[in-house]
Structure formats: C-alpha cells, structure tokens
C-alpha atoms as a PDB file:
ATOM      1  CA  MET A   1     -18.380   9.641   3.671  1.00  0.00           C
ATOM      2  CA  ALA A   2     -16.368   8.458   0.696  1.00  0.00           C
ATOM      3  CA  ALA A   3     -13.845   6.439   2.705  1.00  0.00           C
ATOM      4  CA  PRO A   4     -16.284   3.894   4.213  1.00  0.00           C
ATOM      5  CA  TYR A   5     -17.918   3.416   0.830  1.00  0.00           C
ATOM      6  CA  SER A   6     -14.578   2.808  -0.899  1.00  0.00           C
ATOM      7  CA  PHE A   7     -13.419   0.466   1.850  1.00  0.00           C
ATOM      8  CA  GLY A   8     -16.684  -1.484   1.633  1.00  0.00           C
ATOM      9  CA  ARG A   9     -16.288  -1.908  -2.095  1.00  0.00           C
ATOM     10  CA  LEU A  10     -12.713  -3.084  -1.559  1.00  0.00           C
ATOM     11  CA  ILE A  11     -13.862  -5.725   0.923  1.00  0.00           C
ATOM     12  CA  ILE A  12     -16.585  -6.929  -1.465  1.00  0.00           C
ATOM     13  CA  PHE A  13     -14.099  -7.210  -4.335  1.00  0.00           C
ATOM     14  CA  PHE A  14     -11.593  -9.282  -2.383  1.00  0.00           C
ATOM     15  CA  SER A  15     -14.306 -11.474  -0.905  1.00  0.00           C
ATOM     16  CA  LEU A  16     -15.742 -12.258  -4.313  1.00  0.00           C
ATOM     17  CA  ALA A  17     -12.290 -12.789  -5.760  1.00  0.00           C
ATOM     18  CA  SER A  18     -11.417 -15.251  -3.011  1.00  0.00           C
ATOM     19  CA  LEU A  19     -14.675 -17.156  -3.147  1.00  0.00           C
ATOM     20  CA  GLY A  20     -15.552 -16.922  -6.803  1.00  0.00           C
ATOM     21  CA  CYS A  21     -14.049 -17.762 -10.139  1.00  0.00           C
ATOM     22  CA  LEU A  22     -10.642 -16.338  -9.237  1.00  0.00           C
ATOM     23  CA  SER A  23     -10.206 -18.754  -6.346  1.00  0.00           C
ATOM     24  CA  HIS A  24      -9.306 -22.233  -7.542  1.00  0.00           C
ATOM     25  CA  HIS A  25     -10.716 -24.967  -9.682  1.00  0.00           C
ATOM     26  CA  ARG A  26      -9.805 -28.544 -10.434  1.00  0.00           C
ATOM     27  CA  ASP A  27      -9.355 -30.319 -13.725  1.00  0.00           C
ATOM     28  CA  GLY A  28      -9.535 -33.884 -12.420  1.00  0.00           C
ATOM     29  CA  ARG A  29      -5.816 -34.119 -11.699  1.00  0.00           C
ATOM     30  CA  ILE A  30      -4.637 -30.932  -9.989  1.00  0.00           C
ATOM     31  CA  HIS A  31      -5.950 -28.066  -7.911  1.00  0.00           C
ATOM     32  CA  LEU A  32      -5.249 -24.467  -8.808  1.00  0.00           C
ATOM     33  CA  SER A  33      -4.288 -21.894  -6.210  1.00  0.00           C
ATOM     34  CA  SER A  34      -6.009 -18.540  -5.895  1.00  0.00           C
ATOM     35  CA  PHE A  35      -5.053 -16.193  -8.754  1.00  0.00           C
ATOM     36  CA  VAL A  36      -2.992 -18.975 -10.295  1.00  0.00           C
ATOM     37  CA  ASP A  37      -2.245 -16.984 -13.457  1.00  0.00           C
ATOM     38  CA  ASP A  38      -1.455 -13.686 -11.733  1.00  0.00           C
ATOM     39  CA  LEU A  39       2.215 -13.909 -10.780  1.00  0.00           C
ATOM     40  CA  PRO A  40       2.647 -10.093 -10.545  1.00  0.00           C
ATOM     41  CA  ARG A  41      -0.040  -9.940  -7.831  1.00  0.00           C
ATOM     42  CA  TYR A  42       1.941 -12.247  -5.539  1.00  0.00           C
ATOM     43  CA  GLU A  43       5.274 -10.693  -6.492  1.00  0.00           C
ATOM     44  CA  ARG A  44       3.981  -7.286  -5.382  1.00  0.00           C
ATOM     45  CA  MET A  45       2.808  -8.647  -2.041  1.00  0.00           C
ATOM     46  CA  ILE A  46       6.150 -10.374  -1.488  1.00  0.00           C
ATOM     47  CA  GLU A  47       8.159  -7.317  -2.538  1.00  0.00           C
ATOM     48  CA  GLN A  48       6.097  -5.103  -0.214  1.00  0.00           C
ATOM     49  CA  ARG A  49       5.922  -7.660   2.616  1.00  0.00           C
ATOM     50  CA  MET A  50       5.725  -6.536   6.199  1.00  0.00           C
ATOM     51  CA  ILE A  51       8.887  -7.050   8.210  1.00  0.00           C
ATOM     52  CA  PHE A  52       8.346  -8.971  11.439  1.00  0.00           C
ATOM     53  CA  GLN A  53      10.780  -9.825  14.214  1.00  0.00           C
ATOM     54  CA  SER A  54      10.660 -13.159  16.015  1.00  0.00           C
ATOM     55  CA  SER A  55      12.734 -14.288  18.987  1.00  0.00           C
ATOM     56  CA  LEU A  56      12.120 -17.979  18.306  1.00  0.00           C
ATOM     57  CA  SER A  57      15.140 -20.137  17.566  1.00  0.00           C
ATOM     58  CA  ARG A  58      12.930 -22.958  16.316  1.00  0.00           C
ATOM     59  CA  VAL A  59       9.415 -22.672  14.882  1.00  0.00           C
ATOM     60  CA  LYS A  60       6.820 -25.455  15.118  1.00  0.00           C
ATOM     61  CA  GLY A  61       3.569 -23.776  14.154  1.00  0.00           C
ATOM     62  CA  GLY A  62       1.762 -20.580  13.383  1.00  0.00           C
ATOM     63  CA  ILE A  63      -1.441 -18.685  12.671  1.00  0.00           C
ATOM     64  CA  VAL A  64      -1.891 -16.734   9.440  1.00  0.00           C
ATOM     65  CA  SER A  65      -4.768 -15.035   7.633  1.00  0.00           C
ATOM     66  CA  HIS A  66      -6.116 -16.340   4.333  1.00  0.00           C
ATOM     67  CA  HIS A  67      -7.447 -12.957   3.168  1.00  0.00           C
ATOM     68  CA  LEU A  68      -5.274 -11.653   0.346  1.00  0.00           C
ATOM     69  CA  LEU A  69      -6.404  -8.212   1.450  1.00  0.00           C
ATOM     70  CA  ALA A  70      -3.702  -8.779   4.095  1.00  0.00           C
ATOM     71  CA  GLY A  71      -1.275 -10.248   1.562  1.00  0.00           C
ATOM     72  CA  ARG A  72       1.694  -8.107   2.670  1.00  0.00           C
ATOM     73  CA  ALA A  73       1.333  -9.508   6.172  1.00  0.00           C
ATOM     74  CA  ILE A  74       0.921 -13.078   4.874  1.00  0.00           C
ATOM     75  CA  ALA A  75       4.182 -12.689   2.950  1.00  0.00           C
ATOM     76  CA  GLY A  76       5.863 -11.302   6.061  1.00  0.00           C
ATOM     77  CA  PHE A  77       4.608 -14.252   8.119  1.00  0.00           C
ATOM     78  CA  PHE A  78       6.033 -16.883   5.766  1.00  0.00           C
ATOM     79  CA  SER A  79       9.281 -14.952   5.333  1.00  0.00           C
ATOM     80  CA  THR A  80       9.753 -14.834   9.119  1.00  0.00           C
ATOM     81  CA  ALA A  81       8.795 -18.507   9.482  1.00  0.00           C
ATOM     82  CA  ARG A  82      11.443 -19.437   6.913  1.00  0.00           C
ATOM     83  CA  GLU A  83      14.084 -17.490   8.826  1.00  0.00           C
ATOM     84  CA  ALA A  84      13.173 -19.332  12.050  1.00  0.00           C
ATOM     85  CA  ALA A  85      13.062 -22.755  10.395  1.00  0.00           C
ATOM     86  CA  ARG A  86      16.154 -24.868  10.968  1.00  0.00           C
ATOM     87  CA  SER A  87      15.958 -26.729   7.687  1.00  0.00           C
ATOM     88  CA  PRO A  88      14.568 -26.215   4.179  1.00  0.00           C
ATOM     89  CA  GLN A  89      13.265 -29.781   4.421  1.00  0.00           C
ATOM     90  CA  GLY A  90      10.070 -30.947   6.103  1.00  0.00           C
ATOM     91  CA  ARG A  91       6.347 -30.587   5.552  1.00  0.00           C
ATOM     92  CA  ILE A  92       4.017 -27.614   5.635  1.00  0.00           C
ATOM     93  CA  ILE A  93       0.766 -28.825   7.188  1.00  0.00           C
ATOM     94  CA  ILE A  94      -2.024 -26.283   6.643  1.00  0.00           C
ATOM     95  CA  ILE A  95      -5.267 -26.544   8.600  1.00  0.00           C
ATOM     96  CA  GLY A  96      -8.036 -24.281   7.340  1.00  0.00           C
ATOM     97  CA  PRO A  97     -11.797 -23.893   7.659  1.00  0.00           C
ATOM     98  CA  ASN A  98     -14.112 -25.509   5.143  1.00  0.00           C
ATOM     99  CA  HIS A  99     -16.116 -22.312   4.722  1.00  0.00           C
ATOM    100  CA  ALA A 100     -18.866 -23.777   2.536  1.00  0.00           C
ATOM    101  CA  SER A 101     -18.917 -27.251   4.145  1.00  0.00           C
ATOM    102  CA  ARG A 102     -18.221 -28.843   0.753  1.00  0.00           C
ATOM    103  CA  GLY A 103     -17.571 -32.537   0.440  1.00  0.00           C
ATOM    104  CA  ASN A 104     -18.464 -35.308   2.861  1.00  0.00           C
ATOM    105  CA  ALA A 105     -15.530 -35.379   5.267  1.00  0.00           C
ATOM    106  CA  LEU A 106     -15.431 -33.438   8.525  1.00  0.00           C
ATOM    107  CA  THR A 107     -11.634 -33.335   8.174  1.00  0.00           C
ATOM    108  CA  ALA A 108     -10.747 -33.411   4.482  1.00  0.00           C
ATOM    109  CA  ALA A 109      -7.295 -33.906   2.994  1.00  0.00           C
ATOM    110  CA  SER A 110      -6.073 -33.505  -0.580  1.00  0.00           C
ATOM    111  CA  VAL A 111      -3.488 -35.693  -2.318  1.00  0.00           C
ATOM    112  CA  ARG A 112      -3.504 -33.715  -5.558  1.00  0.00           C
ATOM    113  CA  GLU A 113      -0.761 -31.431  -6.754  1.00  0.00           C
ATOM    114  CA  TRP A 114      -1.448 -27.689  -6.587  1.00  0.00           C
ATOM    115  CA  LYS A 115      -0.455 -25.348  -9.370  1.00  0.00           C
ATOM    116  CA  THR A 116       0.604 -21.895  -8.133  1.00  0.00           C
ATOM    117  CA  PRO A 117       2.106 -18.852  -9.889  1.00  0.00           C
ATOM    118  CA  PHE A 118       5.536 -19.949  -8.579  1.00  0.00           C
ATOM    119  CA  GLY A 119       5.282 -23.590  -9.609  1.00  0.00           C
ATOM    120  CA  VAL A 120       3.687 -26.763  -8.299  1.00  0.00           C
ATOM    121  CA  CYS A 121       3.194 -27.674  -4.637  1.00  0.00           C
ATOM    122  CA  ILE A 122       3.599 -31.424  -4.151  1.00  0.00           C
ATOM    123  CA  PRO A 123       1.531 -33.162  -1.468  1.00  0.00           C
ATOM    124  CA  ASP A 124       3.127 -35.628   0.914  1.00  0.00           C
ATOM    125  CA  ARG A 125       0.852 -38.475  -0.097  1.00  0.00           C
ATOM    126  CA  GLU A 126       2.417 -41.087   2.168  1.00  0.00           C
ATOM    127  CA  PHE A 127       2.006 -38.885   5.234  1.00  0.00           C
ATOM    128  CA  ILE A 128      -1.571 -38.060   4.269  1.00  0.00           C
ATOM    129  CA  LYS A 129      -2.352 -41.762   3.862  1.00  0.00           C
ATOM    130  CA  ARG A 130      -0.916 -42.326   7.327  1.00  0.00           C
ATOM    131  CA  LEU A 131      -3.314 -39.725   8.727  1.00  0.00           C
ATOM    132  CA  VAL A 132      -6.132 -41.555   6.927  1.00  0.00           C
ATOM    133  CA  ARG A 133      -5.096 -44.813   8.590  1.00  0.00           C
ATOM    134  CA  GLU A 134      -5.045 -43.035  11.941  1.00  0.00           C
ATOM    135  CA  GLY A 135      -8.657 -42.042  11.300  1.00  0.00           C
ATOM    136  CA  VAL A 136      -8.176 -38.274  11.663  1.00  0.00           C
ATOM    137  CA  VAL A 137      -8.679 -37.255   7.992  1.00  0.00           C
ATOM    138  CA  SER A 138     -10.398 -38.541   4.865  1.00  0.00           C
ATOM    139  CA  ILE A 139      -9.302 -37.814   1.306  1.00  0.00           C
ATOM    140  CA  ASP A 140     -12.039 -35.613  -0.123  1.00  0.00           C
ATOM    141  CA  GLU A 141     -10.989 -33.506  -3.106  1.00  0.00           C
ATOM    142  CA  ASP A 142     -14.458 -31.972  -3.508  1.00  0.00           C
ATOM    143  CA  ALA A 143     -14.009 -30.113  -0.226  1.00  0.00           C
ATOM    144  CA  PHE A 144     -11.205 -28.025  -1.748  1.00  0.00           C
ATOM    145  CA  LEU A 145     -13.213 -26.640  -4.660  1.00  0.00           C
ATOM    146  CA  PHE A 146     -13.100 -22.816  -4.391  1.00  0.00           C
ATOM    147  CA  GLU A 147     -11.763 -23.037  -0.804  1.00  0.00           C
ATOM    148  CA  HIS A 148      -9.513 -20.009  -0.359  1.00  0.00           C
ATOM    149  CA  SER A 149      -8.275 -20.929   3.129  1.00  0.00           C
ATOM    150  CA  ILE A 150      -5.828 -23.246   1.341  1.00  0.00           C
ATOM    151  CA  GLY A 151      -5.659 -21.840  -2.189  1.00  0.00           C
ATOM    152  CA  SER A 152      -4.639 -18.329  -1.164  1.00  0.00           C
ATOM    153  CA  LEU A 153      -1.666 -19.509   0.929  1.00  0.00           C
ATOM    154  CA  LEU A 154      -0.015 -22.120  -1.277  1.00  0.00           C
ATOM    155  CA  PRO A 155       1.663 -19.567  -3.597  1.00  0.00           C
ATOM    156  CA  PHE A 156       3.452 -18.136  -0.540  1.00  0.00           C
ATOM    157  CA  VAL A 157       4.365 -21.652   0.598  1.00  0.00           C
ATOM    158  CA  ARG A 158       5.770 -22.486  -2.830  1.00  0.00           C
ATOM    159  CA  HIS A 159       7.800 -19.268  -2.913  1.00  0.00           C
ATOM    160  CA  TYR A 160       9.239 -19.379   0.608  1.00  0.00           C
ATOM    161  CA  PHE A 161       9.463 -23.179   1.071  1.00  0.00           C
ATOM    162  CA  PRO A 162      10.029 -24.558  -2.451  1.00  0.00           C
ATOM    163  CA  LEU A 163      11.498 -27.871  -1.215  1.00  0.00           C
ATOM    164  CA  ARG A 164       8.742 -28.720   1.244  1.00  0.00           C
ATOM    165  CA  ARG A 165       5.789 -30.983   0.597  1.00  0.00           C
ATOM    166  CA  VAL A 166       2.353 -29.871   1.690  1.00  0.00           C
ATOM    167  CA  VAL A 167      -0.438 -31.468   3.697  1.00  0.00           C
ATOM    168  CA  PRO A 168      -3.690 -29.494   3.163  1.00  0.00           C
ATOM    169  CA  ILE A 169      -6.435 -30.204   5.720  1.00  0.00           C
ATOM    170  CA  LEU A 170      -9.901 -28.630   5.842  1.00  0.00           C
ATOM    171  CA  VAL A 171     -11.937 -28.669   9.046  1.00  0.00           C
ATOM    172  CA  ASN A 172     -15.726 -28.606   8.982  1.00  0.00           C
ATOM    173  CA  TYR A 173     -17.331 -26.642  11.815  1.00  0.00           C
ATOM    174  CA  ARG A 174     -19.335 -29.771  12.727  1.00  0.00           C
ATOM    175  CA  LEU A 175     -16.178 -31.650  13.708  1.00  0.00           C
ATOM    176  CA  SER A 176     -16.376 -32.572  17.395  1.00  0.00           C
ATOM    177  CA  TRP A 177     -14.029 -30.966  19.890  1.00  0.00           C
ATOM    178  CA  ASP A 178     -12.671 -34.384  20.828  1.00  0.00           C
ATOM    179  CA  ASP A 179     -11.839 -35.189  17.212  1.00  0.00           C
ATOM    180  CA  ALA A 180     -10.193 -31.793  16.752  1.00  0.00           C
ATOM    181  CA  ALA A 181      -7.945 -32.451  19.742  1.00  0.00           C
ATOM    182  CA  ARG A 182      -7.176 -35.922  18.441  1.00  0.00           C
ATOM    183  CA  LEU A 183      -6.123 -34.473  15.078  1.00  0.00           C
ATOM    184  CA  GLY A 184      -3.594 -32.268  16.869  1.00  0.00           C
ATOM    185  CA  ALA A 185      -2.343 -35.159  18.996  1.00  0.00           C
ATOM    186  CA  VAL A 186      -1.859 -37.419  15.957  1.00  0.00           C
ATOM    187  CA  LEU A 187       0.004 -34.653  14.115  1.00  0.00           C
ATOM    188  CA  ALA A 188       2.322 -34.265  17.103  1.00  0.00           C
ATOM    189  CA  ARG A 189       2.974 -38.000  17.195  1.00  0.00           C
ATOM    190  CA  THR A 190       3.452 -38.566  13.454  1.00  0.00           C
ATOM    191  CA  SER A 191       5.138 -35.385  12.216  1.00  0.00           C
ATOM    192  CA  ASP A 192       8.885 -34.801  12.010  1.00  0.00           C
ATOM    193  CA  GLU A 193      10.844 -32.230  13.977  1.00  0.00           C
ATOM    194  CA  ASN A 194      11.201 -29.887  10.980  1.00  0.00           C
ATOM    195  CA  ASP A 195       7.503 -29.918  10.053  1.00  0.00           C
ATOM    196  CA  LEU A 196       5.501 -26.706  10.368  1.00  0.00           C
ATOM    197  CA  VAL A 197       1.781 -26.752  11.236  1.00  0.00           C
ATOM    198  CA  VAL A 198      -0.007 -23.583  10.110  1.00  0.00           C
ATOM    199  CA  LEU A 199      -3.549 -22.608  11.031  1.00  0.00           C
ATOM    200  CA  SER A 200      -5.151 -20.621   8.212  1.00  0.00           C
ATOM    201  CA  ALA A 201      -7.785 -18.536   9.978  1.00  0.00           C
ATOM    202  CA  ASP A 202      -9.392 -15.135  10.272  1.00  0.00           C
ATOM    203  CA  PHE A 203     -10.865 -13.794  13.442  1.00  0.00           C
ATOM    204  CA  VAL A 204     -13.581 -11.219  14.111  1.00  0.00           C
ATOM    205  CA  HIS A 205     -15.987 -10.834  11.180  1.00  0.00           C
ATOM    206  CA  ASN A 206     -18.456  -8.040  10.386  1.00  0.00           C
ATOM    207  CA  ARG A 207     -17.668  -5.856  13.386  1.00  0.00           C
ATOM    208  CA  THR A 208     -16.703  -2.228  13.735  1.00  0.00           C
ATOM    209  CA  VAL A 209     -13.047  -1.419  14.211  1.00  0.00           C
ATOM    210  CA  ARG A 210     -13.649  -0.620  17.887  1.00  0.00           C
ATOM    211  CA  GLU A 211     -15.541  -3.874  18.472  1.00  0.00           C
ATOM    212  CA  ALA A 212     -12.864  -5.883  16.674  1.00  0.00           C
ATOM    213  CA  ARG A 213     -10.115  -4.365  18.830  1.00  0.00           C
ATOM    214  CA  ALA A 214     -11.957  -5.167  22.061  1.00  0.00           C
ATOM    215  CA  ILE A 215     -12.791  -8.753  21.081  1.00  0.00           C
ATOM    216  CA  ASP A 216      -9.278  -9.433  19.774  1.00  0.00           C
ATOM    217  CA  GLU A 217      -7.774  -8.135  22.995  1.00  0.00           C
ATOM    218  CA  ARG A 218      -9.662 -10.825  24.909  1.00  0.00           C
ATOM    219  CA  SER A 219      -8.612 -13.456  22.360  1.00  0.00           C
ATOM    220  CA  ARG A 220      -4.971 -12.391  22.459  1.00  0.00           C
ATOM    221  CA  GLY A 221      -4.329 -13.919  25.868  1.00  0.00           C
ATOM    222  CA  ILE A 222      -5.674 -17.287  24.734  1.00  0.00           C
ATOM    223  CA  ILE A 223      -3.633 -17.233  21.537  1.00  0.00           C
ATOM    224  CA  GLN A 224      -0.508 -16.213  23.455  1.00  0.00           C
ATOM    225  CA  SER A 225      -0.995 -18.814  26.196  1.00  0.00           C
ATOM    226  CA  PHE A 226      -1.544 -21.710  23.801  1.00  0.00           C
ATOM    227  CA  TYR A 227      -0.142 -24.231  26.296  1.00  0.00           C
ATOM    228  CA  MET A 228      -3.186 -23.591  28.485  1.00  0.00           C
ATOM    229  CA  GLY A 229      -5.648 -23.633  25.608  1.00  0.00           C
ATOM    230  CA  CYS A 230      -6.054 -27.320  24.906  1.00  0.00           C
ATOM    231  CA  THR A 231      -9.694 -27.523  25.989  1.00  0.00           C
ATOM    232  CA  ALA A 232     -12.882 -26.775  24.108  1.00  0.00           C
ATOM    233  CA  GLU A 233     -14.029 -24.414  26.860  1.00  0.00           C
ATOM    234  CA  TYR A 234     -10.849 -22.346  26.558  1.00  0.00           C
ATOM    235  CA  VAL A 235     -10.684 -22.170  22.767  1.00  0.00           C
ATOM    236  CA  SER A 236     -14.414 -21.551  22.275  1.00  0.00           C
ATOM    237  CA  ARG A 237     -13.976 -18.065  23.762  1.00  0.00           C
ATOM    238  CA  VAL A 238     -12.089 -16.948  20.655  1.00  0.00           C
ATOM    239  CA  GLU A 239     -14.175 -15.305  17.933  1.00  0.00           C
ATOM    240  CA  MET A 240     -12.829 -16.703  14.658  1.00  0.00           C
ATOM    241  CA  ASP A 241     -13.710 -18.895  11.671  1.00  0.00           C
ATOM    242  CA  CYS A 242     -11.858 -22.082  12.713  1.00  0.00           C
ATOM    243  CA  ARG A 243     -12.067 -22.784  16.441  1.00  0.00           C
ATOM    244  CA  LYS A 244     -11.722 -26.544  15.935  1.00  0.00           C
ATOM    245  CA  GLY A 245      -8.561 -25.905  13.948  1.00  0.00           C
ATOM    246  CA  LEU A 246      -7.240 -23.726  16.767  1.00  0.00           C
ATOM    247  CA  LEU A 247      -7.813 -26.553  19.245  1.00  0.00           C
ATOM    248  CA  ALA A 248      -5.953 -28.948  16.917  1.00  0.00           C
ATOM    249  CA  LEU A 249      -3.059 -26.483  16.651  1.00  0.00           C
ATOM    250  CA  CYS A 250      -2.886 -25.882  20.409  1.00  0.00           C
ATOM    251  CA  THR A 251      -2.887 -29.625  21.075  1.00  0.00           C
ATOM    252  CA  PHE A 252      -0.172 -30.175  18.481  1.00  0.00           C
ATOM    253  CA  LEU A 253       1.989 -27.420  19.945  1.00  0.00           C
ATOM    254  CA  ARG A 254       1.722 -28.610  23.523  1.00  0.00           C
ATOM    255  CA  GLU A 255       2.390 -32.247  22.669  1.00  0.00           C
ATOM    256  CA  SER A 256       5.260 -31.460  20.281  1.00  0.00           C
ATOM    257  CA  GLY A 257       7.180 -29.462  22.881  1.00  0.00           C
ATOM    258  CA  ALA A 258       6.548 -25.864  21.825  1.00  0.00           C
ATOM    259  CA  THR A 259       6.898 -23.510  24.790  1.00  0.00           C
ATOM    260  CA  ASP A 260       6.900 -19.977  23.405  1.00  0.00           C
ATOM    261  CA  ALA A 261       4.780 -17.697  21.233  1.00  0.00           C
ATOM    262  CA  ASP A 262       5.428 -14.551  19.225  1.00  0.00           C
ATOM    263  CA  ILE A 263       2.364 -12.596  18.119  1.00  0.00           C
ATOM    264  CA  LEU A 264       3.763 -10.817  15.097  1.00  0.00           C
ATOM    265  CA  LEU A 265       0.705  -8.710  14.295  1.00  0.00           C
ATOM    266  CA  ASN A 266      -2.933  -8.249  15.278  1.00  0.00           C
ATOM    267  CA  THR A 267      -4.864  -5.904  13.038  1.00  0.00           C
ATOM    268  CA  ASN A 268      -8.033  -5.595  10.972  1.00  0.00           C
ATOM    269  CA  GLY A 269      -9.141  -4.336   7.606  1.00  0.00           C
ATOM    270  CA  GLY A 270     -10.147  -0.947   8.976  1.00  0.00           C
ATOM    271  CA  GLU A 271      -6.768  -0.334  10.571  1.00  0.00           C
ATOM    272  CA  MET A 272      -4.956  -1.456   7.443  1.00  0.00           C
ATOM    273  CA  PHE A 273      -6.976   0.452   4.862  1.00  0.00           C
ATOM    274  CA  GLY A 274      -9.138   2.961   6.673  1.00  0.00           C
ATOM    275  CA  GLY A 275     -12.892   3.192   6.710  1.00  0.00           C
ATOM    276  CA  ARG A 276     -15.501   2.585   9.386  1.00  0.00           C
ATOM    277  CA  GLY A 277     -17.482  -0.237   7.841  1.00  0.00           C
ATOM    278  CA  PRO A 278     -17.627  -3.854   9.055  1.00  0.00           C
ATOM    279  CA  VAL A 279     -14.167  -5.402   9.277  1.00  0.00           C
ATOM    280  CA  THR A 280     -12.418  -8.750   9.560  1.00  0.00           C
ATOM    281  CA  SER A 281      -9.530  -9.043  11.997  1.00  0.00           C
ATOM    282  CA  TYR A 282      -6.274 -10.958  11.706  1.00  0.00           C
ATOM    283  CA  PHE A 283      -3.690 -12.565  13.956  1.00  0.00           C
ATOM    284  CA  PHE A 284      -0.233 -13.526  12.728  1.00  0.00           C
ATOM    285  CA  ALA A 285       1.659 -15.644  15.239  1.00  0.00           C
ATOM    286  CA  LEU A 286       4.548 -18.101  15.420  1.00  0.00           C
ATOM    287  CA  TYR A 287       5.068 -20.828  18.014  1.00  0.00           C
ATOM    288  CA  GLY A 288       8.124 -22.824  18.978  1.00  0.00           C
ATOM    289  CA  THR A 289      11.068 -22.458  21.347  1.00  0.00           C
ATOM    290  CA  ARG A 290      13.502 -19.662  22.135  1.00  0.00           C
END
C-alpha cells in the first residue's frame, strides 16, 4: 500500500510546485520561468533525457507535456525536435492552456522577456504585434502569472534553441472553435518555414492507469491523423486540457504543408513512476514531412 501513497504525494508536490510559488512571477519587466533559480534541476532532466527516434526530415510542429514530472521526456522531445530542424534560426511558437483563466484575453500573448536558468528567452515582438493586428491574440501579461504551461517549457527552449525567439500564446477554454481554427490558419499564413509551433498540453487527468490507457488509445488515432482533425467535432473527442489549442495546431499543420506524424511517446504518471492512484497522461509527438 506504500507505493500508491508515495506516488500520490509525488503528484501533489509537483502540482503545487508548478502552480505555486515555484512557478513564475513577474517584476513589471520580465517573466520568470518555472524553477528559474534551479539550474541543476533542468541539467539533470537534460542529462537523463529520453532518447526518441523520428523519421521526419523537416519538423513543423509538435505536442509536449508541461508537467516537469515528465521532464526527461520533455528534454527528449526538444532534443529530437532540434535534430529534425533544418536551421537554428526561426521562432518557437508555444500554445498552452490558460489553466486559471487569468487575464482578460481569450488568446493571450506576452511580449516580455523570460528569464530561465539557461539565460533569457527573447520574444519576437514584431511577429506578436502582427498577430494582434490580425485579431487572433491580445497582449495580456496578467494571463501568464503562475502559468506553468509556458513557464515550465521555456528553459528547455532556451537550452536547445538558444538563437530562436519565442511567441508564447495562452488559450482560454472559452475561446470559440472558429477562433481557434482561425488562430492556426493565421499562424500558417504568417509564420516562416523554419518556425516550430508547439502545443503544450497534458491529456487524461485524474484517471486510473487502465482508464488512461484506454482513453489515450482512442485519442491516438486523432493525434496521428492530424490532417483529418481540423474540425471541432473531431478534436473534441480527445480528453485533454487544451482542445482549442489542438484544433489550432491541426489547422496550422494542414495549412502549412505538414503531411506526417511521429508519436514519440504516450505514457502516464503511473507507468512512469508506479502506483495505482489517479494519473495524468502525456503525448509527445512531432509533425512535418519525411
């Protein structure tokens, strides 16, 4: 009986660490990433990263968890994405859920710099302002306060893509399906060929390991067949924390010419660390062309 109890305590610790005072703050000028002063934490995850294989010759987008409980897999995802990228230049556009619905914008963007343990991530302010003019995002810094769907990933971005500028976007669950699809279409039309659009998302929440496996198996086909998934009806079948973001990603991929998908890993907290308590599940996937 000790294993479920220990696993439950581990989940509680990482949840509080992501959402609470260890997440990120702002000082009026910059945002701070998760665990901004804990370089050894990220170095361990990077050193112990999972090794993934991708058959893509060019990568356009991806799906990655924002739970640092799965930090070794997050590091493996970004390492593999860097290997498949054709150029060190370009933007990293991250779409994540606005878990607490902070701020006023349904699609919020940040133009502030982000301090990470590996240095500062610089936003592409001109590109973000273009998205504002297109009407698909609003600059709303308040939305990013304590939001780990962005803050937990930027240290990996800074480490693996030090020359790239970032475009952080938070999606409120109240965003309409039509506006989510439009966000993806505008990103496809305005982004450059070397840009990478990443969906920061977690999937099944508070399920048993067996339930998570069954639900993820149904979702897998939709995530794999992204070129068919550009409708609200299709995407809404996936159990996850950012369905509107998934629709935006699928629309972007289809309209930017991506034709292939590699699901690098599908797992959950129970499979990774043992225990029988409620789990969160994860997909790590890359999209592009072979």
